[in-house]
Amino acid sequence: MDIFMLVKAIILGMVEGLTEFAPVSSTGHMIIVDDMWLQSEVFLTKYVANTFKVMIQLGSILAVVIIFRHRFIEMLNWKTNKSNKDKPRLKLSQVIVGLIPAGVLGLLFEDYIDEYLFSINTVLIGLVVGAVLMIIADIISKRATSQQVETDDQITYRQALMIGFIQCLSLWPGFSRSGSTISGGVMLGMSHRAAADFTFIMAVPIMLGASFLSLLKNLQYFSLEIIPFFVVGFVSAFIFAFISIQFFLKLINKIKLVPFAIYRILLVAVIYVVYF
């Protein structure tokens, strides 16, 4: 494998890492680079390319786990939860409640989604409609007069479940998981930062499950020749996700969602020019 292919792996990992958890749709971005690079290489068959996408996604997930490690340890520590039962704390059970709606629908309609919704046209629709939802969420947030949920520790089971239902929108490719859940959280009275924190924490189990199932399905397509390509992409995605997540969390309460919505609309224009 030549150096040029490893540079491609770095760039693809960078695209994944920078866009997976920002509300801009990593699917939309990966579609742009997919035909340009992944499918253009002879040894990168459709199945190997799909496995590569899963591997670099795991790099992004690892970044979230490290950044929120104390939160995950706290949620999984039964003794800590019991000793702090009088203090508001985000519970693992609340995360599970938030995962149920999209998890059930995803399992029921996985084949339909893969067959009919993964196209450039559907992604463009998801990007635009998702951008509109984000703008509406910011408008509602500005007009809200009730007390906001400032941290994810204050999230209720009802809010977790409602965010879970709104996350179902992200099953439409291009809509963006973080875009839908952060928008949903903001519309339910949460601060942008609290909604983002809950979104990232909730993303880990669902993305891990989906990634490992995909890896098991495509494991037969691994070979010694492509391992360096996979490793470089994984490391690149981890590094750029680690940087972008921390940057995003520091900014989200200040800049809100509208700038990302505008960017999504511009991205639609770019995809349209590239493909049409």
Protein backbone atom coordinates (compact mmCIF):
# COMPACT_ATOMS: atom_id res chain seq x y z
CA MET A 1 0.00 0.00 0.00
CA ASP A 2 1.48 3.35 -1.05
CA ILE A 3 1.79 6.57 0.97
CA PHE A 4 -0.94 8.21 -1.10
CA MET A 5 -3.49 5.67 0.14
CA LEU A 6 -2.49 6.34 3.76
CA VAL A 7 -2.95 10.08 3.15
CA LYS A 8 -6.44 9.27 1.87
CA ALA A 9 -7.12 7.32 5.07
CA ILE A 10 -6.05 10.33 7.14
CA ILE A 11 -8.36 12.65 5.19
CA LEU A 12 -11.31 10.25 5.37
CA GLY A 13 -10.75 9.82 9.10
CA MET A 14 -10.62 13.60 9.45
CA VAL A 15 -13.96 13.97 7.67
CA GLU A 16 -15.52 11.36 9.96
CA GLY A 17 -14.01 12.78 13.13
CA LEU A 18 -14.99 16.38 12.40
CA THR A 19 -18.57 15.63 11.34
CA GLU A 20 -19.81 12.57 13.27
CA PHE A 21 -20.93 14.47 16.35
CA ALA A 22 -21.46 17.96 14.96
CA PRO A 23 -25.04 18.61 13.75
CA VAL A 24 -23.99 18.68 10.10
CA SER A 25 -24.52 15.03 9.05
CA SER A 26 -21.44 12.84 8.66
CA THR A 27 -23.44 10.83 6.10
CA GLY A 28 -23.70 13.85 3.81
CA HIS A 29 -19.98 14.47 4.03
CA MET A 30 -19.01 10.82 3.56
CA ILE A 31 -21.18 10.63 0.44
CA ILE A 32 -19.09 13.40 -1.11
CA VAL A 33 -15.80 11.58 -0.49
CA ASP A 34 -17.12 8.04 -0.98
CA ASP A 35 -17.31 7.96 -4.78
CA MET A 36 -14.25 10.20 -5.07
CA TRP A 37 -11.94 7.86 -3.14
CA LEU A 38 -13.32 4.77 -1.44
CA GLN A 39 -15.02 3.28 -4.48
CA SER A 40 -12.26 4.49 -6.84
CA GLU A 41 -9.69 2.04 -5.46
CA VAL A 42 -9.59 -1.41 -7.00
CA PHE A 43 -8.92 -3.29 -3.75
CA LEU A 44 -11.58 -1.33 -1.85
CA THR A 45 -14.70 -3.25 -2.77
CA LYS A 46 -18.09 -2.08 -1.55
CA TYR A 47 -17.84 -4.36 1.49
CA VAL A 48 -14.29 -3.30 2.40
CA ALA A 49 -15.28 0.36 2.03
CA ASN A 50 -18.27 -0.16 4.33
CA THR A 51 -16.07 -1.90 6.89
CA PHE A 52 -13.59 0.97 6.72
CA LYS A 53 -16.39 3.43 7.51
CA VAL A 54 -17.27 1.36 10.57
CA MET A 55 -13.64 1.27 11.75
CA ILE A 56 -13.18 5.03 11.58
CA GLN A 57 -16.54 5.49 13.30
CA LEU A 58 -15.16 3.47 16.21
CA GLY A 59 -12.33 6.00 16.41
CA SER A 60 -14.88 8.78 16.89
CA ILE A 61 -16.73 6.75 19.53
CA LEU A 62 -13.49 6.21 21.46
CA ALA A 63 -13.00 9.98 21.58
CA VAL A 64 -16.43 10.43 23.19
CA VAL A 65 -15.76 7.69 25.73
CA ILE A 66 -12.51 9.35 26.81
CA ILE A 67 -13.98 12.86 27.00
CA PHE A 68 -17.01 11.68 29.02
CA ARG A 69 -15.16 8.91 30.90
CA HIS A 70 -16.00 10.28 34.34
CA ARG A 71 -19.68 10.51 33.43
CA PHE A 72 -19.77 6.93 32.16
CA ILE A 73 -17.94 5.65 35.24
CA GLU A 74 -20.39 7.52 37.46
CA MET A 75 -23.44 6.11 35.67
CA LEU A 76 -22.10 2.55 35.81
CA ASN A 77 -21.06 2.77 39.47
CA TRP A 78 -24.04 1.46 41.44
CA LYS A 79 -22.59 2.46 44.81
CA THR A 80 -22.03 6.05 43.69
CA ASN A 81 -25.57 6.29 42.39
CA LYS A 82 -26.96 4.94 45.66
CA SER A 83 -24.95 7.35 47.84
CA ASN A 84 -25.98 10.34 45.70
CA LYS A 85 -29.64 9.40 45.32
CA ASP A 86 -30.78 12.76 46.75
CA LYS A 87 -28.76 14.73 44.20
CA PRO A 88 -29.92 15.03 40.59
CA ARG A 89 -27.73 12.81 38.41
CA LEU A 90 -28.06 11.55 34.87
CA LYS A 91 -28.82 7.85 35.18
CA LEU A 92 -27.99 4.98 32.87
CA SER A 93 -31.69 4.11 32.85
CA GLN A 94 -32.47 7.56 31.38
CA VAL A 95 -29.97 6.97 28.59
CA ILE A 96 -31.58 3.58 27.88
CA VAL A 97 -35.04 5.20 27.77
CA GLY A 98 -33.71 7.68 25.21
CA LEU A 99 -32.32 4.87 23.06
CA ILE A 100 -35.46 2.72 22.89
CA PRO A 101 -37.55 4.50 20.20
CA ALA A 102 -34.83 4.80 17.53
CA GLY A 103 -33.40 1.40 18.49
CA VAL A 104 -36.74 -0.36 17.93
CA LEU A 105 -37.52 1.48 14.68
CA GLY A 106 -33.98 0.95 13.42
CA LEU A 107 -34.23 -2.82 13.92
CA LEU A 108 -37.69 -3.00 12.34
CA PHE A 109 -36.88 -0.93 9.27
CA GLU A 110 -33.12 -1.52 8.83
CA ASP A 111 -33.48 -3.32 5.50
CA TYR A 112 -35.93 -0.74 4.14
CA ILE A 113 -33.65 2.14 5.16
CA ASP A 114 -30.57 0.52 3.60
CA GLU A 115 -32.40 -0.27 0.37
CA TYR A 116 -34.46 2.86 -0.23
CA LEU A 117 -33.09 5.78 1.81
CA PHE A 118 -29.34 5.68 1.22
CA SER A 119 -29.22 7.82 -1.90
CA ILE A 120 -27.97 11.29 -2.69
CA ASN A 121 -31.51 12.64 -3.15
CA THR A 122 -32.72 11.41 0.25
CA VAL A 123 -29.59 12.75 1.96
CA LEU A 124 -30.19 16.18 0.42
CA ILE A 125 -33.75 16.14 1.76
CA GLY A 126 -32.50 15.13 5.21
CA LEU A 127 -29.90 17.90 5.26
CA VAL A 128 -32.42 20.61 4.36
CA VAL A 129 -35.26 19.43 6.61
CA GLY A 130 -32.81 18.94 9.47
CA ALA A 131 -31.50 22.48 8.98
CA VAL A 132 -35.06 23.82 9.18
CA LEU A 133 -35.64 21.89 12.43
CA MET A 134 -32.46 23.38 13.92
CA ILE A 135 -33.54 26.92 13.04
CA ILE A 136 -36.98 26.30 14.58
CA ALA A 137 -35.31 24.94 17.73
CA ASP A 138 -33.24 28.12 18.14
CA ILE A 139 -36.33 30.31 17.61
CA ILE A 140 -38.26 28.37 20.28
CA SER A 141 -35.27 28.60 22.61
CA LYS A 142 -35.10 32.39 22.29
CA ARG A 143 -38.82 32.78 22.96
CA ALA A 144 -38.90 30.39 25.92
CA THR A 145 -39.69 31.96 29.28
CA SER A 146 -39.58 28.82 31.44
CA GLN A 147 -36.57 27.63 33.44
CA GLN A 148 -34.02 25.86 31.26
CA VAL A 149 -32.38 22.53 32.04
CA GLU A 150 -28.79 23.76 32.30
CA THR A 151 -27.01 20.41 32.69
CA ASP A 152 -27.70 16.84 31.65
CA ASP A 153 -28.06 15.92 35.35
CA GLN A 154 -31.40 17.75 35.35
CA ILE A 155 -32.90 15.79 32.46
CA THR A 156 -36.13 13.98 33.32
CA TYR A 157 -37.27 10.58 32.08
CA ARG A 158 -39.97 12.30 30.04
CA GLN A 159 -37.42 14.52 28.30
CA ALA A 160 -35.14 11.54 27.67
CA LEU A 161 -38.02 9.63 26.07
CA MET A 162 -39.12 12.61 23.96
CA ILE A 163 -35.56 13.13 22.73
CA GLY A 164 -35.54 9.43 21.88
CA PHE A 165 -38.62 9.85 19.69
CA ILE A 166 -37.11 12.90 17.98
CA GLN A 167 -33.91 10.90 17.41
CA CYS A 168 -35.97 8.61 15.15
CA LEU A 169 -35.73 11.37 12.54
CA SER A 170 -32.02 10.60 12.25
CA LEU A 171 -32.84 7.19 10.77
CA TRP A 172 -33.38 9.22 7.59
CA PRO A 173 -29.83 9.55 6.18
CA GLY A 174 -28.57 13.13 6.17
CA PHE A 175 -30.82 14.27 9.00
CA SER A 176 -27.99 13.89 11.56
CA ARG A 177 -28.31 12.13 14.89
CA SER A 178 -26.80 15.03 16.85
CA GLY A 179 -28.77 17.58 14.83
CA SER A 180 -32.09 15.93 15.65
CA THR A 181 -31.39 15.18 19.31
CA ILE A 182 -29.85 18.55 20.18
CA SER A 183 -32.74 20.31 18.44
CA GLY A 184 -35.21 18.12 20.31
CA GLY A 185 -33.55 18.80 23.64
CA VAL A 186 -33.52 22.56 23.05
CA MET A 187 -37.22 22.54 22.11
CA LEU A 188 -37.93 20.65 25.35
CA GLY A 189 -36.38 23.42 27.45
CA MET A 190 -32.79 22.23 27.72
CA SER A 191 -29.74 24.42 27.24
CA HIS A 192 -27.76 23.72 24.07
CA ARG A 193 -24.86 22.36 26.12
CA ALA A 194 -27.07 20.02 28.18
CA ALA A 195 -28.71 18.71 24.99
CA ALA A 196 -25.29 18.21 23.38
CA ASP A 197 -23.87 16.36 26.40
CA PHE A 198 -26.87 14.02 26.49
CA THR A 199 -26.62 13.51 22.73
CA PHE A 200 -22.96 12.47 22.88
CA ILE A 201 -23.49 10.14 25.84
CA MET A 202 -26.51 8.54 24.19
CA ALA A 203 -24.59 8.09 20.91
CA VAL A 204 -21.98 5.75 22.39
CA PRO A 205 -24.06 2.60 23.06
CA ILE A 206 -26.15 2.87 19.89
CA MET A 207 -23.11 3.52 17.67
CA LEU A 208 -21.08 0.78 19.36
CA GLY A 209 -23.87 -1.72 18.81
CA ALA A 210 -24.37 -0.78 15.17
CA SER A 211 -20.61 -0.71 14.50
CA PHE A 212 -19.85 -4.12 15.98
CA LEU A 213 -22.78 -5.73 14.16
CA SER A 214 -21.50 -4.26 10.91
CA LEU A 215 -17.94 -5.40 11.66
CA LEU A 216 -19.07 -8.95 12.35
CA LYS A 217 -21.05 -8.91 9.12
CA ASN A 218 -18.06 -7.74 7.05
CA LEU A 219 -15.18 -9.34 8.97
CA GLN A 220 -14.48 -11.75 6.13
CA TYR A 221 -13.37 -8.86 3.93
CA PHE A 222 -10.41 -7.95 6.16
CA SER A 223 -6.95 -8.71 4.78
CA LEU A 224 -3.36 -7.94 5.80
CA GLU A 225 -3.02 -5.60 2.85
CA ILE A 226 -5.68 -3.16 4.06
CA ILE A 227 -4.91 -3.22 7.82
CA PRO A 228 -2.57 -0.16 7.65
CA PHE A 229 -5.31 1.75 5.80
CA PHE A 230 -7.83 0.87 8.52
CA VAL A 231 -5.48 1.68 11.41
CA VAL A 232 -4.50 5.08 10.01
CA GLY A 233 -8.16 5.97 9.37
CA PHE A 234 -9.12 4.91 12.91
CA VAL A 235 -6.38 7.00 14.54
CA SER A 236 -7.18 9.99 12.33
CA ALA A 237 -10.89 9.84 13.19
CA PHE A 238 -10.09 9.57 16.90
CA ILE A 239 -7.75 12.58 16.91
CA PHE A 240 -10.03 14.88 14.93
CA ALA A 241 -13.15 13.77 16.82
CA PHE A 242 -11.39 14.38 20.15
CA ILE A 243 -10.48 17.92 19.09
CA SER A 244 -13.79 18.79 17.42
CA ILE A 245 -16.02 17.51 20.25
CA GLN A 246 -14.24 19.60 22.88
CA PHE A 247 -14.30 22.65 20.60
CA PHE A 248 -18.00 22.10 19.86
CA LEU A 249 -18.97 21.74 23.53
CA LYS A 250 -17.23 25.00 24.41
CA LEU A 251 -19.02 26.90 21.64
CA ILE A 252 -22.52 25.43 21.40
CA ASN A 253 -24.12 27.61 24.11
CA LYS A 254 -22.69 30.72 22.43
CA ILE A 255 -23.29 30.14 18.74
CA LYS A 256 -26.42 27.89 19.01
CA LEU A 257 -27.63 25.85 16.02
CA VAL A 258 -28.34 28.37 13.25
CA PRO A 259 -24.71 28.57 11.98
CA PHE A 260 -24.71 24.78 11.56
CA ALA A 261 -28.07 24.96 9.78
CA ILE A 262 -26.66 27.50 7.32
CA TYR A 263 -23.63 25.29 6.76
CA ARG A 264 -25.91 22.30 6.00
CA ILE A 265 -27.75 24.29 3.35
CA LEU A 266 -24.42 25.28 1.79
CA LEU A 267 -23.39 21.61 1.89
CA VAL A 268 -26.52 20.71 -0.07
CA ALA A 269 -25.44 23.19 -2.74
CA VAL A 270 -21.98 21.59 -2.88
CA ILE A 271 -23.39 18.05 -3.15
CA TYR A 272 -25.79 19.19 -5.86
CA VAL A 273 -22.94 20.69 -7.89
CA VAL A 274 -20.73 17.61 -7.44
CA TYR A 275 -23.38 15.05 -8.36
CA PHE A 276 -25.78 16.86 -10.67
